[in-house]
C-alpha atoms as a PDB file:
ATOM      1  CA  MET A   1       0.000   0.000   0.000  1.00  0.00           C
ATOM      2  CA  SER A   2       1.376   3.412  -0.916  1.00  0.00           C
ATOM      3  CA  PRO A   3       2.472   5.783   1.854  1.00  0.00           C
ATOM      4  CA  LEU A   4      -0.085   8.346   0.683  1.00  0.00           C
ATOM      5  CA  LEU A   5      -2.970   5.864   0.919  1.00  0.00           C
ATOM      6  CA  GLN A   6      -1.754   4.652   4.328  1.00  0.00           C
ATOM      7  CA  THR A   7      -1.635   8.259   5.494  1.00  0.00           C
ATOM      8  CA  VAL A   8      -5.153   9.042   4.273  1.00  0.00           C
ATOM      9  CA  LEU A   9      -6.607   5.911   5.885  1.00  0.00           C
ATOM     10  CA  LEU A  10      -4.837   6.450   9.211  1.00  0.00           C
ATOM     11  CA  LEU A  11      -5.728  10.151   9.300  1.00  0.00           C
ATOM     12  CA  THR A  12      -9.349   9.352   8.518  1.00  0.00           C
ATOM     13  CA  ALA A  13      -9.534   6.818  11.336  1.00  0.00           C
ATOM     14  CA  SER A  14      -7.758   9.193  13.728  1.00  0.00           C
ATOM     15  CA  ASN A  15     -10.173  11.974  12.802  1.00  0.00           C
ATOM     16  CA  ILE A  16     -13.162   9.794  13.581  1.00  0.00           C
ATOM     17  CA  PHE A  17     -11.770   9.184  17.070  1.00  0.00           C
ATOM     18  CA  MET A  18     -10.869  12.851  17.541  1.00  0.00           C
ATOM     19  CA  THR A  19     -14.264  14.094  16.421  1.00  0.00           C
ATOM     20  CA  PHE A  20     -15.912  11.864  19.010  1.00  0.00           C
ATOM     21  CA  ALA A  21     -13.379  12.968  21.636  1.00  0.00           C
ATOM     22  CA  TRP A  22     -13.974  16.655  20.928  1.00  0.00           C
ATOM     23  CA  TYR A  23     -17.733  16.670  20.370  1.00  0.00           C
ATOM     24  CA  GLY A  24     -19.262  13.345  21.438  1.00  0.00           C
ATOM     25  CA  HIS A  25     -19.465  14.436  25.065  1.00  0.00           C
ATOM     26  CA  LEU A  26     -21.924  17.150  24.004  1.00  0.00           C
ATOM     27  CA  LYS A  27     -24.418  14.401  23.246  1.00  0.00           C
ATOM     28  CA  HIS A  28     -23.568  11.697  25.780  1.00  0.00           C
ATOM     29  CA  PHE A  29     -22.081  13.480  28.790  1.00  0.00           C
ATOM     30  CA  LYS A  30     -24.044  16.721  28.766  1.00  0.00           C
ATOM     31  CA  SER A  31     -25.270  16.259  32.324  1.00  0.00           C
ATOM     32  CA  SER A  32     -22.106  14.595  33.633  1.00  0.00           C
ATOM     33  CA  ALA A  33     -19.496  16.389  35.654  1.00  0.00           C
ATOM     34  CA  LEU A  34     -16.907  18.165  33.543  1.00  0.00           C
ATOM     35  CA  TYR A  35     -14.088  15.930  34.818  1.00  0.00           C
ATOM     36  CA  VAL A  36     -15.983  12.854  33.566  1.00  0.00           C
ATOM     37  CA  ALA A  37     -16.357  14.340  30.081  1.00  0.00           C
ATOM     38  CA  ILE A  38     -12.674  15.296  30.077  1.00  0.00           C
ATOM     39  CA  ALA A  39     -11.555  11.823  31.196  1.00  0.00           C
ATOM     40  CA  VAL A  40     -13.689  10.096  28.559  1.00  0.00           C
ATOM     41  CA  SER A  41     -12.481  12.514  25.867  1.00  0.00           C
ATOM     42  CA  TRP A  42      -8.855  11.922  26.818  1.00  0.00           C
ATOM     43  CA  GLY A  43      -9.415   8.177  26.683  1.00  0.00           C
ATOM     44  CA  ILE A  44     -10.812   8.451  23.169  1.00  0.00           C
ATOM     45  CA  ALA A  45      -8.071  10.879  22.136  1.00  0.00           C
ATOM     46  CA  LEU A  46      -5.413   8.330  23.095  1.00  0.00           C
ATOM     47  CA  PHE A  47      -6.570   6.140  20.218  1.00  0.00           C
ATOM     48  CA  GLU A  48      -6.577   9.159  17.924  1.00  0.00           C
ATOM     49  CA  TYR A  49      -2.928   9.830  18.717  1.00  0.00           C
ATOM     50  CA  MET A  50      -2.041   6.170  18.233  1.00  0.00           C
ATOM     51  CA  LEU A  51      -3.249   6.557  14.630  1.00  0.00           C
ATOM     52  CA  MET A  52      -2.298  10.174  13.939  1.00  0.00           C
ATOM     53  CA  VAL A  53       1.378   9.956  14.923  1.00  0.00           C
ATOM     54  CA  PRO A  54       2.158   7.030  12.560  1.00  0.00           C
ATOM     55  CA  ALA A  55       0.018   8.685   9.862  1.00  0.00           C
ATOM     56  CA  ASN A  56       2.092  11.857  10.040  1.00  0.00           C
ATOM     57  CA  ARG A  57       5.373   9.936  10.091  1.00  0.00           C
ATOM     58  CA  ILE A  58       4.374   7.899   7.046  1.00  0.00           C
ATOM     59  CA  GLY A  59       2.889  10.907   5.265  1.00  0.00           C
ATOM     60  CA  HIS A  60       5.930  13.079   5.815  1.00  0.00           C
ATOM     61  CA  GLN A  61       7.937  10.606   3.715  1.00  0.00           C
ATOM     62  CA  VAL A  62       6.023  11.694   0.590  1.00  0.00           C
ATOM     63  CA  LEU A  63       4.399  15.035   1.511  1.00  0.00           C
ATOM     64  CA  SER A  64       5.707  18.339   2.766  1.00  0.00           C
ATOM     65  CA  LEU A  65       4.602  19.421   6.204  1.00  0.00           C
ATOM     66  CA  ALA A  66       2.241  22.000   4.687  1.00  0.00           C
ATOM     67  CA  GLN A  67       0.704  19.414   2.344  1.00  0.00           C
ATOM     68  CA  LEU A  68       0.236  17.049   5.273  1.00  0.00           C
ATOM     69  CA  LYS A  69      -1.562  19.782   7.220  1.00  0.00           C
ATOM     70  CA  ILE A  70      -3.939  20.634   4.353  1.00  0.00           C
ATOM     71  CA  LEU A  71      -4.663  16.933   3.840  1.00  0.00           C
ATOM     72  CA  GLN A  72      -5.499  16.726   7.546  1.00  0.00           C
ATOM     73  CA  GLU A  73      -7.886  19.688   7.278  1.00  0.00           C
ATOM     74  CA  VAL A  74      -9.694  18.199   4.271  1.00  0.00           C
ATOM     75  CA  ILE A  75     -10.111  14.899   6.099  1.00  0.00           C
ATOM     76  CA  THR A  76     -11.259  16.706   9.244  1.00  0.00           C
ATOM     77  CA  LEU A  77     -14.054  18.493   7.387  1.00  0.00           C
ATOM     78  CA  SER A  78     -14.959  15.286   5.531  1.00  0.00           C
ATOM     79  CA  VAL A  79     -15.387  13.482   8.856  1.00  0.00           C
ATOM     80  CA  PHE A  80     -16.965  16.374  10.743  1.00  0.00           C
ATOM     81  CA  ILE A  81     -19.857  17.124   8.376  1.00  0.00           C
ATOM     82  CA  PRO A  82     -21.376  13.610   8.419  1.00  0.00           C
ATOM     83  CA  PHE A  83     -20.772  13.472  12.188  1.00  0.00           C
ATOM     84  CA  ALA A  84     -22.569  16.780  12.740  1.00  0.00           C
ATOM     85  CA  VAL A  85     -25.485  16.010  10.429  1.00  0.00           C
ATOM     86  CA  PHE A  86     -26.103  12.299  11.010  1.00  0.00           C
ATOM     87  CA  TYR A  87     -24.775  11.641  14.514  1.00  0.00           C
ATOM     88  CA  MET A  88     -25.361  14.939  16.303  1.00  0.00           C
ATOM     89  CA  ARG A  89     -28.510  15.676  14.250  1.00  0.00           C
ATOM     90  CA  GLU A  90     -27.397  19.221  13.414  1.00  0.00           C
ATOM     91  CA  PRO A  91     -29.064  20.697  10.346  1.00  0.00           C
ATOM     92  CA  PHE A  92     -27.010  20.724   7.152  1.00  0.00           C
ATOM     93  CA  LYS A  93     -25.685  24.203   6.389  1.00  0.00           C
ATOM     94  CA  TRP A  94     -24.455  25.568   3.115  1.00  0.00           C
ATOM     95  CA  ASN A  95     -21.480  26.924   5.070  1.00  0.00           C
ATOM     96  CA  TYR A  96     -20.140  23.362   5.005  1.00  0.00           C
ATOM     97  CA  VAL A  97     -20.092  23.469   1.213  1.00  0.00           C
ATOM     98  CA  TYR A  98     -18.433  26.884   1.175  1.00  0.00           C
ATOM     99  CA  ALA A  99     -15.806  25.735   3.668  1.00  0.00           C
ATOM    100  CA  GLY A 100     -15.158  22.668   1.497  1.00  0.00           C
ATOM    101  CA  LEU A 101     -14.693  24.866  -1.561  1.00  0.00           C
ATOM    102  CA  CYS A 102     -12.208  27.000   0.344  1.00  0.00           C
ATOM    103  CA  LEU A 103     -10.316  23.848   1.308  1.00  0.00           C
ATOM    104  CA  LEU A 104     -10.260  22.766  -2.340  1.00  0.00           C
ATOM    105  CA  GLY A 105      -8.591  26.092  -3.065  1.00  0.00           C
ATOM    106  CA  ALA A 106      -6.070  25.375  -0.310  1.00  0.00           C
ATOM    107  CA  VAL A 107      -5.408  21.932  -1.798  1.00  0.00           C
ATOM    108  CA  TYR A 108      -4.813  23.499  -5.205  1.00  0.00           C
ATOM    109  CA  PHE A 109      -2.331  26.047  -3.878  1.00  0.00           C
ATOM    110  CA  MET A 110      -0.558  23.565  -1.603  1.00  0.00           C
ATOM    111  CA  PHE A 111      -0.295  20.639  -4.008  1.00  0.00           C
ATOM    112  CA  PHE A 112      -0.348  22.087  -7.516  1.00  0.00           C
ATOM    113  CA  ARG A 113       1.213  25.555  -7.327  1.00  0.00           C
ATOM    114  CA  ASP A 114       4.803  26.204  -6.517  1.00  0.00           C
END
């Protein structure tokens, strides 16, 4: 498997964990004490780091640091929108589309312009 594909898959999996760590407590631990939400989020984030660190090490073999960061942002938005709409039941907003278009511009400038 190519390093780029490994990076994308690992970053996607890490983003799923991180999205739940950052926002899942808003649904499941709303009435819990803050320290409980923090402890659960940290526990979930541990798995995110176990995927993100190797993803960045593998990705940095074939991508610049800036390209790796933009890739991460694209994946983050790609994970966040379905999470917000389907899991958290937030209404879809056209701002998501506009943000995605801005990220496509960032991808263009980071990957295809020198």
